[in-house]
Amino acid sequence: MSAAGFALVLRPDASFEITEWPGDSTANLRTLYTAIGCTHVDVVDLSPKVSMWLDDDGIHTGAPVNKWATLLYAITAPLHQNYYGTAVFTGGPDAQGDTTGLTRDSCDALLELAGIETK
């Protein structure tokens, strides 16, 4: 069981929500499926402490480009593609490989890096 915390749900229109990250692998997966609206997720690690989750089929479903998620990826590595649809940002994996939650401050920092006003 990983540590609970928060996840940042970031949509292509720049709307977002900060939601609780359950810290239980089964509940974590349900949280991702519900937030993204899909049944197959893929993860991109932006750093050892931040992971970005997306619809594995997003590019093929006609989902809009999520320029905010694409920008956050580009901050960490050379950009090689756009990212599509809703993205969920969590903490990275713990020592057992389970995904951790983010702190509220980390969620706010990601939004700030993306240039999204939170107030």
N, C-alpha and C. Protein backbone atom coordinates (compact mmCIF):
# COMPACT_ATOMS: atom_id res chain seq x y z
N MET A 1 0.84 -1.17 0.00
CA MET A 1 0.00 0.00 0.00
C MET A 1 0.88 1.24 0.00
N SER A 2 0.63 2.15 -0.92
CA SER A 2 1.42 3.36 -0.99
C SER A 2 0.80 4.46 -0.12
N ALA A 3 1.57 5.48 0.10
CA ALA A 3 1.10 6.59 0.91
C ALA A 3 0.01 7.35 0.17
N ALA A 4 -1.05 7.68 0.88
CA ALA A 4 -2.13 8.48 0.31
C ALA A 4 -1.65 9.91 0.15
N GLY A 5 -2.39 10.68 -0.56
CA GLY A 5 -2.07 12.08 -0.78
C GLY A 5 -3.07 12.63 -1.77
N PHE A 6 -2.56 13.31 -2.80
CA PHE A 6 -3.43 13.94 -3.78
C PHE A 6 -2.97 13.59 -5.19
N ALA A 7 -3.89 13.78 -6.13
CA ALA A 7 -3.60 13.67 -7.56
C ALA A 7 -4.17 14.91 -8.22
N LEU A 8 -3.47 15.39 -9.23
CA LEU A 8 -3.91 16.54 -10.00
C LEU A 8 -4.51 16.04 -11.31
N VAL A 9 -5.78 16.34 -11.53
CA VAL A 9 -6.48 15.99 -12.76
C VAL A 9 -6.49 17.24 -13.63
N LEU A 10 -5.83 17.15 -14.79
CA LEU A 10 -5.66 18.32 -15.66
C LEU A 10 -6.26 18.03 -17.04
N ARG A 11 -7.28 18.80 -17.39
CA ARG A 11 -8.00 18.58 -18.65
C ARG A 11 -7.45 19.46 -19.78
N PRO A 12 -7.74 19.11 -21.03
CA PRO A 12 -7.22 19.88 -22.16
C PRO A 12 -7.67 21.34 -22.19
N ASP A 13 -8.79 21.67 -21.53
CA ASP A 13 -9.27 23.05 -21.52
C ASP A 13 -8.68 23.86 -20.35
N ALA A 14 -7.70 23.31 -19.66
CA ALA A 14 -7.00 23.92 -18.52
C ALA A 14 -7.82 23.87 -17.24
N SER A 15 -9.02 23.26 -17.27
CA SER A 15 -9.72 23.06 -16.01
C SER A 15 -9.01 21.93 -15.26
N PHE A 16 -9.13 21.95 -13.96
CA PHE A 16 -8.42 20.96 -13.16
C PHE A 16 -9.17 20.70 -11.87
N GLU A 17 -8.80 19.63 -11.23
CA GLU A 17 -9.24 19.38 -9.87
C GLU A 17 -8.12 18.65 -9.15
N ILE A 18 -8.05 18.90 -7.88
CA ILE A 18 -7.12 18.19 -7.02
C ILE A 18 -7.96 17.22 -6.21
N THR A 19 -7.68 15.94 -6.39
CA THR A 19 -8.49 14.91 -5.77
C THR A 19 -7.65 14.06 -4.83
N GLU A 20 -8.30 13.39 -3.94
CA GLU A 20 -7.57 12.51 -3.02
C GLU A 20 -7.03 11.31 -3.77
N TRP A 21 -5.80 10.93 -3.45
CA TRP A 21 -5.18 9.73 -4.00
C TRP A 21 -5.30 8.67 -2.93
N PRO A 22 -6.03 7.57 -3.20
CA PRO A 22 -6.36 6.60 -2.15
C PRO A 22 -5.17 5.90 -1.50
N GLY A 23 -4.12 5.61 -2.26
CA GLY A 23 -2.98 4.91 -1.67
C GLY A 23 -3.14 3.40 -1.64
N ASP A 24 -4.13 2.89 -2.34
CA ASP A 24 -4.36 1.45 -2.45
C ASP A 24 -4.39 1.14 -3.94
N SER A 25 -3.60 0.16 -4.39
CA SER A 25 -3.41 -0.04 -5.83
C SER A 25 -4.72 -0.25 -6.60
N THR A 26 -5.68 -0.99 -6.06
CA THR A 26 -6.95 -1.20 -6.75
C THR A 26 -7.73 0.11 -6.81
N ALA A 27 -7.81 0.82 -5.71
CA ALA A 27 -8.52 2.10 -5.69
C ALA A 27 -7.81 3.14 -6.54
N ASN A 28 -6.47 3.09 -6.55
CA ASN A 28 -5.71 4.03 -7.40
C ASN A 28 -6.10 3.85 -8.86
N LEU A 29 -6.17 2.62 -9.32
CA LEU A 29 -6.51 2.35 -10.71
C LEU A 29 -7.92 2.82 -11.03
N ARG A 30 -8.85 2.57 -10.13
CA ARG A 30 -10.23 3.07 -10.32
C ARG A 30 -10.25 4.59 -10.41
N THR A 31 -9.47 5.24 -9.56
CA THR A 31 -9.38 6.70 -9.57
C THR A 31 -8.89 7.19 -10.93
N LEU A 32 -7.86 6.54 -11.46
CA LEU A 32 -7.33 6.93 -12.78
C LEU A 32 -8.36 6.73 -13.88
N TYR A 33 -9.00 5.56 -13.92
CA TYR A 33 -10.00 5.27 -14.95
C TYR A 33 -11.14 6.28 -14.90
N THR A 34 -11.59 6.60 -13.71
CA THR A 34 -12.70 7.54 -13.56
C THR A 34 -12.29 8.95 -13.97
N ALA A 35 -11.15 9.40 -13.50
CA ALA A 35 -10.71 10.77 -13.79
C ALA A 35 -10.43 10.97 -15.27
N ILE A 36 -9.83 9.98 -15.91
CA ILE A 36 -9.44 10.10 -17.31
C ILE A 36 -10.59 9.71 -18.24
N GLY A 37 -11.47 8.84 -17.77
CA GLY A 37 -12.59 8.38 -18.58
C GLY A 37 -12.16 7.33 -19.58
N CYS A 38 -11.38 6.36 -19.11
CA CYS A 38 -10.85 5.33 -20.01
C CYS A 38 -10.76 4.00 -19.28
N THR A 39 -10.32 2.98 -20.00
CA THR A 39 -10.13 1.66 -19.39
C THR A 39 -8.70 1.15 -19.52
N HIS A 40 -7.84 1.92 -20.15
CA HIS A 40 -6.42 1.54 -20.29
C HIS A 40 -5.57 2.80 -20.10
N VAL A 41 -4.72 2.78 -19.09
CA VAL A 41 -3.87 3.94 -18.82
C VAL A 41 -2.42 3.63 -19.15
N ASP A 42 -1.69 4.69 -19.39
CA ASP A 42 -0.25 4.61 -19.59
C ASP A 42 0.38 5.66 -18.70
N VAL A 43 1.57 5.39 -18.24
CA VAL A 43 2.25 6.32 -17.34
C VAL A 43 3.53 6.82 -17.99
N VAL A 44 3.80 8.10 -17.76
CA VAL A 44 5.05 8.73 -18.19
C VAL A 44 5.65 9.34 -16.92
N ASP A 45 6.82 8.89 -16.55
CA ASP A 45 7.48 9.45 -15.36
C ASP A 45 8.19 10.74 -15.75
N LEU A 46 7.75 11.85 -15.14
CA LEU A 46 8.39 13.14 -15.39
C LEU A 46 9.63 13.31 -14.54
N SER A 47 9.65 12.65 -13.41
CA SER A 47 10.80 12.64 -12.49
C SER A 47 10.58 11.46 -11.56
N PRO A 48 11.52 11.17 -10.69
CA PRO A 48 11.29 10.08 -9.72
C PRO A 48 10.12 10.38 -8.77
N LYS A 49 9.71 11.65 -8.69
CA LYS A 49 8.66 12.05 -7.75
C LYS A 49 7.35 12.45 -8.41
N VAL A 50 7.29 12.47 -9.74
CA VAL A 50 6.07 12.88 -10.44
C VAL A 50 5.83 11.98 -11.64
N SER A 51 4.62 11.41 -11.68
CA SER A 51 4.19 10.59 -12.81
C SER A 51 2.97 11.22 -13.47
N MET A 52 2.88 11.08 -14.78
CA MET A 52 1.73 11.58 -15.54
C MET A 52 1.02 10.38 -16.16
N TRP A 53 -0.28 10.25 -15.89
CA TRP A 53 -1.10 9.15 -16.37
C TRP A 53 -2.05 9.66 -17.45
N LEU A 54 -2.19 8.90 -18.53
CA LEU A 54 -3.02 9.28 -19.66
C LEU A 54 -3.77 8.08 -20.20
N ASP A 55 -4.81 8.36 -21.00
CA ASP A 55 -5.53 7.31 -21.72
C ASP A 55 -4.56 6.71 -22.72
N ASP A 56 -4.33 5.42 -22.63
CA ASP A 56 -3.39 4.75 -23.53
C ASP A 56 -3.83 4.86 -24.99
N ASP A 57 -5.12 5.03 -25.22
CA ASP A 57 -5.65 5.15 -26.58
C ASP A 57 -6.02 6.58 -26.94
N GLY A 58 -5.66 7.55 -26.12
CA GLY A 58 -6.09 8.93 -26.32
C GLY A 58 -5.79 9.50 -27.69
N ILE A 59 -4.64 9.20 -28.24
CA ILE A 59 -4.27 9.73 -29.54
C ILE A 59 -5.18 9.17 -30.64
N HIS A 60 -5.76 7.99 -30.40
CA HIS A 60 -6.59 7.33 -31.41
C HIS A 60 -8.08 7.57 -31.24
N THR A 61 -8.49 8.19 -30.14
CA THR A 61 -9.91 8.37 -29.87
C THR A 61 -10.43 9.74 -30.26
N GLY A 62 -9.57 10.57 -30.79
CA GLY A 62 -10.00 11.92 -31.16
C GLY A 62 -9.97 12.90 -30.00
N ALA A 63 -9.37 12.51 -28.89
CA ALA A 63 -9.26 13.42 -27.74
C ALA A 63 -8.41 14.62 -28.13
N PRO A 64 -8.73 15.79 -27.60
CA PRO A 64 -7.94 16.97 -27.93
C PRO A 64 -6.55 16.92 -27.30
N VAL A 65 -5.62 17.63 -27.93
CA VAL A 65 -4.28 17.76 -27.36
C VAL A 65 -4.40 18.45 -26.01
N ASN A 66 -3.71 17.93 -25.03
CA ASN A 66 -3.64 18.57 -23.73
C ASN A 66 -2.33 19.34 -23.69
N LYS A 67 -2.40 20.62 -24.11
CA LYS A 67 -1.15 21.40 -24.21
C LYS A 67 -0.51 21.63 -22.85
N TRP A 68 -1.30 21.58 -21.78
CA TRP A 68 -0.75 21.78 -20.43
C TRP A 68 0.07 20.56 -20.01
N ALA A 69 -0.45 19.37 -20.27
CA ALA A 69 0.29 18.14 -19.97
C ALA A 69 1.53 18.04 -20.85
N THR A 70 1.37 18.42 -22.12
CA THR A 70 2.50 18.39 -23.05
C THR A 70 3.59 19.36 -22.57
N LEU A 71 3.20 20.54 -22.12
CA LEU A 71 4.15 21.52 -21.60
C LEU A 71 4.89 20.99 -20.37
N LEU A 72 4.15 20.38 -19.44
CA LEU A 72 4.80 19.85 -18.24
C LEU A 72 5.79 18.75 -18.60
N TYR A 73 5.46 17.92 -19.58
CA TYR A 73 6.42 16.92 -20.04
C TYR A 73 7.65 17.61 -20.62
N ALA A 74 7.44 18.62 -21.46
CA ALA A 74 8.54 19.31 -22.15
C ALA A 74 9.49 19.99 -21.17
N ILE A 75 9.02 20.32 -20.00
CA ILE A 75 9.89 20.92 -18.98
C ILE A 75 10.91 19.90 -18.49
N THR A 76 10.55 18.62 -18.55
CA THR A 76 11.41 17.58 -17.97
C THR A 76 12.28 16.84 -18.97
N ALA A 77 11.89 16.87 -20.26
CA ALA A 77 12.62 16.09 -21.26
C ALA A 77 12.34 16.66 -22.64
N PRO A 78 13.18 16.37 -23.62
CA PRO A 78 12.90 16.83 -24.98
C PRO A 78 11.55 16.27 -25.45
N LEU A 79 10.74 17.14 -25.99
CA LEU A 79 9.40 16.77 -26.42
C LEU A 79 9.47 15.96 -27.71
N HIS A 80 8.81 14.80 -27.73
CA HIS A 80 8.80 13.97 -28.92
C HIS A 80 7.39 13.68 -29.42
N GLN A 81 6.37 14.13 -28.66
CA GLN A 81 4.98 13.96 -29.09
C GLN A 81 4.09 14.84 -28.24
N ASN A 82 2.86 15.04 -28.71
CA ASN A 82 1.84 15.70 -27.90
C ASN A 82 1.15 14.65 -27.05
N TYR A 83 0.52 15.11 -25.97
CA TYR A 83 -0.27 14.23 -25.12
C TYR A 83 -1.73 14.65 -25.22
N TYR A 84 -2.63 13.67 -25.20
CA TYR A 84 -4.03 13.89 -25.52
C TYR A 84 -4.94 13.56 -24.36
N GLY A 85 -6.03 14.31 -24.27
CA GLY A 85 -7.06 14.04 -23.27
C GLY A 85 -6.65 14.46 -21.88
N THR A 86 -7.41 14.00 -20.92
CA THR A 86 -7.17 14.33 -19.52
C THR A 86 -5.92 13.62 -19.02
N ALA A 87 -5.12 14.34 -18.27
CA ALA A 87 -3.91 13.79 -17.64
C ALA A 87 -4.08 13.84 -16.13
N VAL A 88 -3.57 12.83 -15.47
CA VAL A 88 -3.57 12.80 -14.00
C VAL A 88 -2.12 12.72 -13.54
N PHE A 89 -1.76 13.64 -12.67
CA PHE A 89 -0.40 13.69 -12.12
C PHE A 89 -0.43 13.16 -10.70
N THR A 90 0.50 12.25 -10.43
CA THR A 90 0.63 11.66 -9.10
C THR A 90 2.10 11.72 -8.69
N GLY A 91 2.37 11.21 -7.51
CA GLY A 91 3.76 11.03 -7.12
C GLY A 91 4.34 9.86 -7.90
N GLY A 92 5.59 9.64 -7.72
CA GLY A 92 6.25 8.52 -8.39
C GLY A 92 6.06 7.23 -7.62
N PRO A 93 6.71 6.18 -8.07
CA PRO A 93 6.59 4.90 -7.37
C PRO A 93 7.40 4.89 -6.07
N ASP A 94 6.85 4.16 -5.08
CA ASP A 94 7.59 3.99 -3.83
C ASP A 94 8.53 2.78 -3.97
N ALA A 95 9.15 2.36 -2.89
CA ALA A 95 10.14 1.26 -2.94
C ALA A 95 9.52 -0.07 -3.41
N GLN A 96 8.21 -0.22 -3.22
CA GLN A 96 7.52 -1.45 -3.66
C GLN A 96 6.95 -1.31 -5.08
N GLY A 97 7.14 -0.13 -5.68
CA GLY A 97 6.62 0.09 -7.02
C GLY A 97 5.21 0.62 -7.07
N ASP A 98 4.60 0.91 -5.91
CA ASP A 98 3.26 1.46 -5.87
C ASP A 98 3.31 2.97 -6.03
N THR A 99 2.33 3.51 -6.72
CA THR A 99 2.29 4.94 -6.99
C THR A 99 1.88 5.71 -5.74
N THR A 100 2.63 6.73 -5.42
CA THR A 100 2.35 7.58 -4.27
C THR A 100 1.50 8.77 -4.69
N GLY A 101 0.94 9.44 -3.71
CA GLY A 101 0.21 10.67 -3.97
C GLY A 101 1.16 11.86 -3.92
N LEU A 102 0.67 12.97 -4.42
CA LEU A 102 1.40 14.23 -4.34
C LEU A 102 0.96 14.99 -3.09
N THR A 103 1.75 15.95 -2.67
CA THR A 103 1.30 16.88 -1.64
C THR A 103 0.45 17.94 -2.33
N ARG A 104 -0.33 18.64 -1.56
CA ARG A 104 -1.13 19.75 -2.12
C ARG A 104 -0.21 20.80 -2.73
N ASP A 105 0.91 21.08 -2.07
CA ASP A 105 1.88 22.06 -2.59
C ASP A 105 2.46 21.62 -3.93
N SER A 106 2.69 20.32 -4.09
CA SER A 106 3.21 19.81 -5.37
C SER A 106 2.18 19.99 -6.48
N CYS A 107 0.91 19.77 -6.18
CA CYS A 107 -0.15 19.99 -7.17
C CYS A 107 -0.17 21.46 -7.59
N ASP A 108 -0.11 22.34 -6.62
CA ASP A 108 -0.10 23.78 -6.91
C ASP A 108 1.13 24.17 -7.73
N ALA A 109 2.28 23.57 -7.43
CA ALA A 109 3.51 23.87 -8.16
C ALA A 109 3.41 23.42 -9.62
N LEU A 110 2.80 22.26 -9.87
CA LEU A 110 2.62 21.80 -11.25
C LEU A 110 1.71 22.75 -12.02
N LEU A 111 0.64 23.19 -11.39
CA LEU A 111 -0.25 24.15 -12.05
C LEU A 111 0.48 25.45 -12.36
N GLU A 112 1.30 25.90 -11.43
CA GLU A 112 2.06 27.13 -11.64
C GLU A 112 3.04 26.94 -12.80
N LEU A 113 3.74 25.80 -12.86
CA LEU A 113 4.66 25.53 -13.97
C LEU A 113 3.94 25.53 -15.31
N ALA A 114 2.70 25.06 -15.32
CA ALA A 114 1.91 25.02 -16.56
C ALA A 114 1.33 26.39 -16.90
N GLY A 115 1.45 27.35 -15.98
CA GLY A 115 0.91 28.68 -16.23
C GLY A 115 -0.59 28.78 -16.01
N ILE A 116 -1.13 27.92 -15.16
CA ILE A 116 -2.57 27.90 -14.88
C ILE A 116 -2.82 28.59 -13.55
N GLU A 117 -3.69 29.59 -13.59
CA GLU A 117 -4.06 30.34 -12.38
C GLU A 117 -4.89 29.46 -11.46
N THR A 118 -4.60 29.48 -10.18
CA THR A 118 -5.33 28.66 -9.24
C THR A 118 -6.26 29.48 -8.34
N LYS A 119 -6.20 30.77 -8.46
CA LYS A 119 -7.04 31.64 -7.62
C LYS A 119 -7.86 32.57 -8.44
